PDB file of N, CA and C in Angstrom:
ATOM      1  N   UNK A   1      25.499   5.326 -26.595  1.00  0.00           N
ATOM      2  CA  UNK A   1      26.830   5.522 -26.053  1.00  0.00           C
ATOM      3  C   UNK A   1      26.856   5.169 -24.577  1.00  0.00           C
ATOM      4  N   UNK A   2      27.977   4.687 -24.137  1.00  0.00           N
ATOM      5  CA  UNK A   2      28.137   4.199 -22.770  1.00  0.00           C
ATOM      6  C   UNK A   2      29.065   5.139 -22.013  1.00  0.00           C
ATOM      7  N   UNK A   3      28.613   6.351 -21.657  1.00  0.00           N
ATOM      8  CA  UNK A   3      29.525   7.321 -21.090  1.00  0.00           C
ATOM      9  C   UNK A   3      29.157   7.915 -19.743  1.00  0.00           C
ATOM     10  N   UNK A   4      27.903   8.162 -19.411  1.00  0.00           N
ATOM     11  CA  UNK A   4      27.627   8.990 -18.222  1.00  0.00           C
ATOM     12  C   UNK A   4      28.206   8.459 -16.923  1.00  0.00           C
ATOM     13  N   UNK A   5      28.110   7.159 -16.680  1.00  0.00           N
ATOM     14  CA  UNK A   5      28.550   6.641 -15.385  1.00  0.00           C
ATOM     15  C   UNK A   5      30.054   6.761 -15.176  1.00  0.00           C
ATOM     16  N   UNK A   6      30.908   6.328 -16.116  1.00  0.00           N
ATOM     17  CA  UNK A   6      32.348   6.439 -15.864  1.00  0.00           C
ATOM     18  C   UNK A   6      32.818   7.865 -15.662  1.00  0.00           C
ATOM     19  N   UNK A   7      32.159   8.832 -16.283  1.00  0.00           N
ATOM     20  CA  UNK A   7      32.596  10.211 -16.122  1.00  0.00           C
ATOM     21  C   UNK A   7      32.312  10.744 -14.718  1.00  0.00           C
ATOM     22  N   UNK A   8      31.353  10.169 -14.029  1.00  0.00           N
ATOM     23  CA  UNK A   8      31.017  10.656 -12.696  1.00  0.00           C
ATOM     24  C   UNK A   8      31.831   9.979 -11.596  1.00  0.00           C
ATOM     25  N   UNK A   9      32.540   8.913 -11.905  1.00  0.00           N
ATOM     26  CA  UNK A   9      33.305   8.203 -10.878  1.00  0.00           C
ATOM     27  C   UNK A   9      34.402   9.030 -10.224  1.00  0.00           C
ATOM     28  N   UNK A  10      35.227   9.764 -10.975  1.00  0.00           N
ATOM     29  CA  UNK A  10      36.263  10.559 -10.285  1.00  0.00           C
ATOM     30  C   UNK A  10      35.687  11.553  -9.285  1.00  0.00           C
ATOM     31  N   UNK A  11      34.521  12.111  -9.582  1.00  0.00           N
ATOM     32  CA  UNK A  11      33.904  13.040  -8.639  1.00  0.00           C
ATOM     33  C   UNK A  11      33.530  12.335  -7.342  1.00  0.00           C
ATOM     34  N   UNK A  12      32.951  11.147  -7.458  1.00  0.00           N
ATOM     35  CA  UNK A  12      32.549  10.424  -6.249  1.00  0.00           C
ATOM     36  C   UNK A  12      33.767   9.920  -5.479  1.00  0.00           C
ATOM     37  N   UNK A  13      34.827   9.533  -6.182  1.00  0.00           N
ATOM     38  CA  UNK A  13      36.028   9.087  -5.483  1.00  0.00           C
ATOM     39  C   UNK A  13      36.710  10.241  -4.767  1.00  0.00           C
ATOM     40  N   UNK A  14      36.682  11.424  -5.374  1.00  0.00           N
ATOM     41  CA  UNK A  14      37.235  12.600  -4.699  1.00  0.00           C
ATOM     42  C   UNK A  14      36.433  12.939  -3.453  1.00  0.00           C
ATOM     43  N   UNK A  15      35.109  12.819  -3.553  1.00  0.00           N
ATOM     44  CA  UNK A  15      34.263  13.070  -2.385  1.00  0.00           C
ATOM     45  C   UNK A  15      34.522  12.021  -1.308  1.00  0.00           C
ATOM     46  N   UNK A  16      34.692  10.773  -1.706  1.00  0.00           N
ATOM     47  CA  UNK A  16      34.968   9.710  -0.731  1.00  0.00           C
ATOM     48  C   UNK A  16      36.298   9.950  -0.030  1.00  0.00           C
ATOM     49  N   UNK A  17      37.265  10.460  -0.757  1.00  0.00           N
ATOM     50  CA  UNK A  17      38.559  10.783  -0.145  1.00  0.00           C
ATOM     51  C   UNK A  17      38.395  11.867   0.912  1.00  0.00           C
ATOM     52  N   UNK A  18      37.628  12.899   0.591  1.00  0.00           N
ATOM     53  CA  UNK A  18      37.418  13.973   1.560  1.00  0.00           C
ATOM     54  C   UNK A  18      36.618  13.504   2.768  1.00  0.00           C
ATOM     55  N   UNK A  19      35.709  12.575   2.579  1.00  0.00           N
ATOM     56  CA  UNK A  19      34.947  12.036   3.697  1.00  0.00           C
ATOM     57  C   UNK A  19      35.841  11.178   4.591  1.00  0.00           C
ATOM     58  N   UNK A  20      36.811  10.498   3.985  1.00  0.00           N
ATOM     59  CA  UNK A  20      37.691   9.611   4.753  1.00  0.00           C
ATOM     60  C   UNK A  20      38.785  10.360   5.505  1.00  0.00           C
ATOM     61  N   UNK A  21      39.032  11.610   5.171  1.00  0.00           N
ATOM     62  CA  UNK A  21      40.140  12.337   5.802  1.00  0.00           C
ATOM     63  C   UNK A  21      40.004  12.517   7.316  1.00  0.00           C
ATOM     64  N   UNK A  22      38.853  12.901   7.864  1.00  0.00           N
ATOM     65  CA  UNK A  22      38.782  13.053   9.325  1.00  0.00           C
ATOM     66  C   UNK A  22      39.094  11.767  10.109  1.00  0.00           C
ATOM     67  N   UNK A  23      38.545  10.594   9.719  1.00  0.00           N
ATOM     68  CA  UNK A  23      38.939   9.377  10.447  1.00  0.00           C
ATOM     69  C   UNK A  23      40.425   9.041  10.301  1.00  0.00           C
ATOM     70  N   UNK A  24      40.986   9.314   9.119  1.00  0.00           N
ATOM     71  CA  UNK A  24      42.422   9.081   8.930  1.00  0.00           C
ATOM     72  C   UNK A  24      43.218   9.976   9.870  1.00  0.00           C
ATOM     73  N   UNK A  25      42.817  11.235   9.961  1.00  0.00           N
ATOM     74  CA  UNK A  25      43.505  12.173  10.854  1.00  0.00           C
ATOM     75  C   UNK A  25      43.434  11.759  12.312  1.00  0.00           C
ATOM     76  N   UNK A  26      42.267  11.274  12.738  1.00  0.00           N
ATOM     77  CA  UNK A  26      42.129  10.826  14.133  1.00  0.00           C
ATOM     78  C   UNK A  26      42.944   9.561  14.392  1.00  0.00           C
ATOM     79  N   UNK A  27      42.902   8.625  13.447  1.00  0.00           N
ATOM     80  CA  UNK A  27      43.590   7.346  13.642  1.00  0.00           C
ATOM     81  C   UNK A  27      45.103   7.530  13.733  1.00  0.00           C
ATOM     82  N   UNK A  28      45.655   8.340  12.851  1.00  0.00           N
ATOM     83  CA  UNK A  28      47.103   8.501  12.793  1.00  0.00           C
ATOM     84  C   UNK A  28      47.591   9.793  13.448  1.00  0.00           C
ATOM     85  N   UNK A  29      46.687  10.538  14.093  1.00  0.00           N
ATOM     86  CA  UNK A  29      47.008  11.789  14.769  1.00  0.00           C
ATOM     87  C   UNK A  29      47.739  12.752  13.831  1.00  0.00           C
ATOM     88  N   UNK A  30      47.096  13.017  12.685  1.00  0.00           N
ATOM     89  CA  UNK A  30      47.666  13.878  11.651  1.00  0.00           C
ATOM     90  C   UNK A  30      46.960  15.227  11.707  1.00  0.00           C
ATOM     91  N   UNK A  31      47.720  16.308  11.541  1.00  0.00           N
ATOM     92  CA  UNK A  31      47.112  17.638  11.550  1.00  0.00           C
ATOM     93  C   UNK A  31      46.484  17.957  10.191  1.00  0.00           C
ATOM     94  N   UNK A  32      45.775  19.070  10.133  1.00  0.00           N
ATOM     95  CA  UNK A  32      45.004  19.435   8.941  1.00  0.00           C
ATOM     96  C   UNK A  32      45.899  19.713   7.740  1.00  0.00           C
ATOM     97  N   UNK A  33      47.089  20.223   7.955  1.00  0.00           N
ATOM     98  CA  UNK A  33      47.982  20.524   6.833  1.00  0.00           C
ATOM     99  C   UNK A  33      48.397  19.241   6.124  1.00  0.00           C
ATOM    100  N   UNK A  34      48.762  18.225   6.875  1.00  0.00           N
ATOM    101  CA  UNK A  34      49.153  16.955   6.275  1.00  0.00           C
ATOM    102  C   UNK A  34      47.955  16.271   5.612  1.00  0.00           C
ATOM    103  N   UNK A  35      46.780  16.409   6.186  1.00  0.00           N
ATOM    104  CA  UNK A  35      45.582  15.856   5.548  1.00  0.00           C
ATOM    105  C   UNK A  35      45.326  16.526   4.200  1.00  0.00           C
ATOM    106  N   UNK A  36      45.625  17.806   4.117  1.00  0.00           N
ATOM    107  CA  UNK A  36      45.514  18.501   2.833  1.00  0.00           C
ATOM    108  C   UNK A  36      46.464  17.930   1.798  1.00  0.00           C
ATOM    109  N   UNK A  37      47.666  17.552   2.242  1.00  0.00           N
ATOM    110  CA  UNK A  37      48.611  16.922   1.332  1.00  0.00           C
ATOM    111  C   UNK A  37      48.108  15.563   0.857  1.00  0.00           C
ATOM    112  N   UNK A  38      47.410  14.839   1.709  1.00  0.00           N
ATOM    113  CA  UNK A  38      46.854  13.547   1.300  1.00  0.00           C
ATOM    114  C   UNK A  38      45.838  13.741   0.184  1.00  0.00           C
ATOM    115  N   UNK A  39      44.940  14.696   0.350  1.00  0.00           N
ATOM    116  CA  UNK A  39      43.942  14.962  -0.680  1.00  0.00           C
ATOM    117  C   UNK A  39      44.607  15.440  -1.964  1.00  0.00           C
ATOM    118  N   UNK A  40      45.620  16.303  -1.839  1.00  0.00           N
ATOM    119  CA  UNK A  40      46.321  16.809  -3.017  1.00  0.00           C
ATOM    120  C   UNK A  40      47.051  15.690  -3.749  1.00  0.00           C
ATOM    121  N   UNK A  41      47.684  14.797  -3.007  1.00  0.00           N
ATOM    122  CA  UNK A  41      48.403  13.702  -3.660  1.00  0.00           C
ATOM    123  C   UNK A  41      47.442  12.759  -4.371  1.00  0.00           C
ATOM    124  N   UNK A  42      46.258  12.571  -3.813  1.00  0.00           N
ATOM    125  CA  UNK A  42      45.260  11.742  -4.497  1.00  0.00           C
ATOM    126  C   UNK A  42      44.854  12.379  -5.816  1.00  0.00           C
ATOM    127  N   UNK A  43      44.552  13.678  -5.797  1.00  0.00           N
ATOM    128  CA  UNK A  43      44.143  14.362  -7.024  1.00  0.00           C
ATOM    129  C   UNK A  43      45.272  14.394  -8.050  1.00  0.00           C
ATOM    130  N   UNK A  44      46.495  14.596  -7.598  1.00  0.00           N
ATOM    131  CA  UNK A  44      47.635  14.607  -8.506  1.00  0.00           C
ATOM    132  C   UNK A  44      47.831  13.246  -9.162  1.00  0.00           C
ATOM    133  N   UNK A  45      47.744  12.186  -8.372  1.00  0.00           N
ATOM    134  CA  UNK A  45      47.887  10.837  -8.918  1.00  0.00           C
ATOM    135  C   UNK A  45      46.777  10.530  -9.909  1.00  0.00           C
ATOM    136  N   UNK A  46      45.547  10.885  -9.574  1.00  0.00           N
ATOM    137  CA  UNK A  46      44.433  10.652 -10.490  1.00  0.00           C
ATOM    138  C   UNK A  46      44.626  11.427 -11.786  1.00  0.00           C
ATOM    139  N   UNK A  47      45.126  12.650 -11.692  1.00  0.00           N
ATOM    140  CA  UNK A  47      45.363  13.449 -12.891  1.00  0.00           C
ATOM    141  C   UNK A  47      46.480  12.891 -13.754  1.00  0.00           C
ATOM    142  N   UNK A  48      47.536  12.414 -13.119  1.00  0.00           N
ATOM    143  CA  UNK A  48      48.669  11.870 -13.876  1.00  0.00           C
ATOM    144  C   UNK A  48      48.272  10.613 -14.640  1.00  0.00           C
ATOM    145  N   UNK A  49      47.487   9.752 -14.019  1.00  0.00           N
ATOM    146  CA  UNK A  49      47.126   8.500 -14.674  1.00  0.00           C
ATOM    147  C   UNK A  49      45.936   8.625 -15.615  1.00  0.00           C
ATOM    148  N   UNK A  50      45.235   9.742 -15.598  1.00  0.00           N
ATOM    149  CA  UNK A  50      44.063   9.901 -16.466  1.00  0.00           C
ATOM    150  C   UNK A  50      44.440   9.921 -17.944  1.00  0.00           C
ATOM    151  N   UNK A  51      45.501  10.620 -18.286  1.00  0.00           N
ATOM    152  CA  UNK A  51      45.870  10.756 -19.694  1.00  0.00           C
ATOM    153  C   UNK A  51      46.341   9.433 -20.296  1.00  0.00           C
ATOM    154  N   UNK A  52      47.317   8.721 -19.697  1.00  0.00           N
ATOM    155  CA  UNK A  52      47.736   7.464 -20.328  1.00  0.00           C
ATOM    156  C   UNK A  52      46.636   6.404 -20.352  1.00  0.00           C
ATOM    157  N   UNK A  53      45.853   6.308 -19.267  1.00  0.00           N
ATOM    158  CA  UNK A  53      44.789   5.311 -19.272  1.00  0.00           C
ATOM    159  C   UNK A  53      43.649   5.717 -20.198  1.00  0.00           C
ATOM    160  N   UNK A  54      43.458   7.005 -20.404  1.00  0.00           N
ATOM    161  CA  UNK A  54      42.493   7.452 -21.402  1.00  0.00           C
ATOM    162  C   UNK A  54      42.919   7.045 -22.795  1.00  0.00           C
ATOM    163  N   UNK A  55      44.196   7.168 -23.076  1.00  0.00           N
ATOM    164  CA  UNK A  55      44.719   6.750 -24.385  1.00  0.00           C
ATOM    165  C   UNK A  55      44.583   5.241 -24.560  1.00  0.00           C
ATOM    166  N   UNK A  56      44.925   4.482 -23.540  1.00  0.00           N
ATOM    167  CA  UNK A  56      44.760   3.025 -23.607  1.00  0.00           C
ATOM    168  C   UNK A  56      43.293   2.668 -23.829  1.00  0.00           C
ATOM    169  N   UNK A  57      42.392   3.393 -23.167  1.00  0.00           N
ATOM    170  CA  UNK A  57      40.961   3.135 -23.336  1.00  0.00           C
ATOM    171  C   UNK A  57      40.512   3.461 -24.750  1.00  0.00           C
ATOM    172  N   UNK A  58      41.090   4.486 -25.370  1.00  0.00           N
ATOM    173  CA  UNK A  58      40.755   4.790 -26.754  1.00  0.00           C
ATOM    174  C   UNK A  58      41.194   3.668 -27.689  1.00  0.00           C
ATOM    175  N   UNK A  59      42.318   3.047 -27.373  1.00  0.00           N
ATOM    176  CA  UNK A  59      42.851   1.983 -28.227  1.00  0.00           C
ATOM    177  C   UNK A  59      42.129   0.659 -27.975  1.00  0.00           C
ATOM    178  N   UNK A  60      42.004   0.268 -26.721  1.00  0.00           N
ATOM    179  CA  UNK A  60      41.460  -1.047 -26.376  1.00  0.00           C
ATOM    180  C   UNK A  60      39.943  -1.072 -26.197  1.00  0.00           C
ATOM    181  N   UNK A  61      39.354   0.070 -25.968  1.00  0.00           N
ATOM    182  CA  UNK A  61      37.911   0.126 -25.725  1.00  0.00           C
ATOM    183  C   UNK A  61      37.633   0.619 -24.323  1.00  0.00           C
ATOM    184  N   UNK A  62      36.787   1.630 -24.226  1.00  0.00           N
ATOM    185  CA  UNK A  62      36.531   2.257 -22.933  1.00  0.00           C
ATOM    186  C   UNK A  62      35.844   1.315 -21.958  1.00  0.00           C
ATOM    187  N   UNK A  63      34.878   0.582 -22.439  1.00  0.00           N
ATOM    188  CA  UNK A  63      34.137  -0.307 -21.538  1.00  0.00           C
ATOM    189  C   UNK A  63      35.063  -1.373 -20.959  1.00  0.00           C
ATOM    190  N   UNK A  64      35.920  -1.943 -21.785  1.00  0.00           N
ATOM    191  CA  UNK A  64      36.834  -2.989 -21.322  1.00  0.00           C
ATOM    192  C   UNK A  64      37.791  -2.453 -20.265  1.00  0.00           C
ATOM    193  N   UNK A  65      38.377  -1.284 -20.502  1.00  0.00           N
ATOM    194  CA  UNK A  65      39.320  -0.704 -19.548  1.00  0.00           C
ATOM    195  C   UNK A  65      38.603  -0.305 -18.258  1.00  0.00           C
ATOM    196  N   UNK A  66      37.375   0.200 -18.386  1.00  0.00           N
ATOM    197  CA  UNK A  66      36.598   0.554 -17.208  1.00  0.00           C
ATOM    198  C   UNK A  66      36.329  -0.672 -16.342  1.00  0.00           C
ATOM    199  N   UNK A  67      35.940  -1.769 -16.972  1.00  0.00           N
ATOM    200  CA  UNK A  67      35.656  -3.000 -16.228  1.00  0.00           C
ATOM    201  C   UNK A  67      36.936  -3.549 -15.602  1.00  0.00           C
ATOM    202  N   UNK A  68      38.037  -3.494 -16.330  1.00  0.00           N
ATOM    203  CA  UNK A  68      39.319  -3.950 -15.769  1.00  0.00           C
ATOM    204  C   UNK A  68      39.686  -3.107 -14.544  1.00  0.00           C
ATOM    205  N   UNK A  69      39.483  -1.797 -14.631  1.00  0.00           N
ATOM    206  CA  UNK A  69      39.766  -0.925 -13.492  1.00  0.00           C
ATOM    207  C   UNK A  69      38.905  -1.254 -12.289  1.00  0.00           C
ATOM    208  N   UNK A  70      37.625  -1.503 -12.530  1.00  0.00           N
ATOM    209  CA  UNK A  70      36.744  -1.885 -11.423  1.00  0.00           C
ATOM    210  C   UNK A  70      37.162  -3.215 -10.803  1.00  0.00           C
ATOM    211  N   UNK A  71      37.591  -4.159 -11.638  1.00  0.00           N
ATOM    212  CA  UNK A  71      38.046  -5.449 -11.114  1.00  0.00           C
ATOM    213  C   UNK A  71      39.328  -5.292 -10.290  1.00  0.00           C
ATOM    214  N   UNK A  72      40.213  -4.409 -10.710  1.00  0.00           N
ATOM    215  CA  UNK A  72      41.439  -4.155  -9.935  1.00  0.00           C
ATOM    216  C   UNK A  72      41.087  -3.563  -8.574  1.00  0.00           C
ATOM    217  N   UNK A  73      40.175  -2.597  -8.560  1.00  0.00           N
ATOM    218  CA  UNK A  73      39.760  -1.995  -7.294  1.00  0.00           C
ATOM    219  C   UNK A  73      39.088  -3.036  -6.407  1.00  0.00           C
ATOM    220  N   UNK A  74      38.248  -3.883  -6.985  1.00  0.00           N
ATOM    221  CA  UNK A  74      37.588  -4.940  -6.217  1.00  0.00           C
ATOM    222  C   UNK A  74      38.620  -5.906  -5.631  1.00  0.00           C
ATOM    223  N   UNK A  75      39.606  -6.284  -6.428  1.00  0.00           N
ATOM    224  CA  UNK A  75      40.638  -7.211  -5.956  1.00  0.00           C
ATOM    225  C   UNK A  75      41.449  -6.601  -4.805  1.00  0.00           C
ATOM    226  N   UNK A  76      41.796  -5.334  -4.944  1.00  0.00           N
ATOM    227  CA  UNK A  76      42.546  -4.673  -3.875  1.00  0.00           C
ATOM    228  C   UNK A  76      41.703  -4.545  -2.606  1.00  0.00           C
ATOM    229  N   UNK A  77      40.411  -4.289  -2.765  1.00  0.00           N
ATOM    230  CA  UNK A  77      39.532  -4.186  -1.598  1.00  0.00           C
ATOM    231  C   UNK A  77      39.412  -5.525  -0.881  1.00  0.00           C
ATOM    232  N   UNK A  78      39.291  -6.595  -1.642  1.00  0.00           N
ATOM    233  CA  UNK A  78      39.193  -7.929  -1.039  1.00  0.00           C
ATOM    234  C   UNK A  78      40.511  -8.286  -0.345  1.00  0.00           C
ATOM    235  N   UNK A  79      41.636  -7.947  -0.961  1.00  0.00           N
ATOM    236  CA  UNK A  79      42.934  -8.216  -0.340  1.00  0.00           C
ATOM    237  C   UNK A  79      43.084  -7.442   0.971  1.00  0.00           C
ATOM    238  N   UNK A  80      42.647  -6.175   0.957  1.00  0.00           N
ATOM    239  CA  UNK A  80      42.703  -5.374   2.173  1.00  0.00           C
ATOM    240  C   UNK A  80      41.841  -5.993   3.268  1.00  0.00           C
ATOM    241  N   UNK A  81      40.645  -6.430   2.899  1.00  0.00           N
ATOM    242  CA  UNK A  81      39.743  -7.039   3.868  1.00  0.00           C
ATOM    243  C   UNK A  81      40.346  -8.322   4.442  1.00  0.00           C
ATOM    244  N   UNK A  82      40.964  -9.133   3.602  1.00  0.00           N
ATOM    245  CA  UNK A  82      41.599 -10.363   4.080  1.00  0.00           C
ATOM    246  C   UNK A  82      42.739 -10.052   5.052  1.00  0.00           C
ATOM    247  N   UNK A  83      43.550  -9.064   4.724  1.00  0.00           N
ATOM    248  CA  UNK A  83      44.645  -8.673   5.631  1.00  0.00           C
ATOM    249  C   UNK A  83      44.101  -8.170   6.958  1.00  0.00           C
ATOM    250  N   UNK A  84      43.052  -7.370   6.878  1.00  0.00           N
ATOM    251  CA  UNK A  84      42.447  -6.832   8.098  1.00  0.00           C
ATOM    252  C   UNK A  84      41.908  -7.966   8.975  1.00  0.00           C
ATOM    253  N   UNK A  85      41.251  -8.940   8.355  1.00  0.00           N
ATOM    254  CA  UNK A  85      40.710 -10.070   9.118  1.00  0.00           C
ATOM    255  C   UNK A  85      41.823 -10.917   9.716  1.00  0.00           C
ATOM    256  N   UNK A  86      42.898 -11.130   8.974  1.00  0.00           N
ATOM    257  CA  UNK A  86      44.026 -11.904   9.506  1.00  0.00           C
ATOM    258  C   UNK A  86      44.707 -11.185  10.660  1.00  0.00           C
ATOM    259  N   UNK A  87      44.860  -9.868  10.546  1.00  0.00           N
ATOM    260  CA  UNK A  87      45.470  -9.116  11.638  1.00  0.00           C
ATOM    261  C   UNK A  87      44.582  -9.149  12.877  1.00  0.00           C
ATOM    262  N   UNK A  88      43.278  -9.087  12.677  1.00  0.00           N
ATOM    263  CA  UNK A  88      42.349  -9.151  13.806  1.00  0.00           C
ATOM    264  C   UNK A  88      42.388 -10.532  14.456  1.00  0.00           C
ATOM    265  N   UNK A  89      42.502 -11.560  13.625  1.00  0.00           N
ATOM    266  CA  UNK A  89      42.498 -12.933  14.130  1.00  0.00           C
ATOM    267  C   UNK A  89      43.761 -13.231  14.947  1.00  0.00           C
ATOM    268  N   UNK A  90      44.911 -12.756  14.507  1.00  0.00           N
ATOM    269  CA  UNK A  90      46.156 -13.091  15.175  1.00  0.00           C
ATOM    270  C   UNK A  90      46.665 -12.018  16.124  1.00  0.00           C
ATOM    271  N   UNK A  91      45.885 -10.987  16.365  1.00  0.00           N
ATOM    272  CA  UNK A  91      46.324  -9.939  17.302  1.00  0.00           C
ATOM    273  C   UNK A  91      45.869 -10.239  18.697  1.00  0.00           C
TER     274      UNK A  91
END
């Protein structure tokens, strides 16, 4: 069975969100209460999308949906990096 790794990803992403909160707060001068809302909104969004995407994964195949999700995250990361480089170049 191909299960242990995908089940641990939400835990690591939640930890990464909490690690990213202090730099976000410093960059945008946000207080601790609003940072708490950021973490809560991330968990709420992850919870809302878990059920429908879990059902899609049951129908289409868990490995395929997992790989598609990783490719989407990779594509968004590359797009973010390109935007960041363009803003740095033209600023």
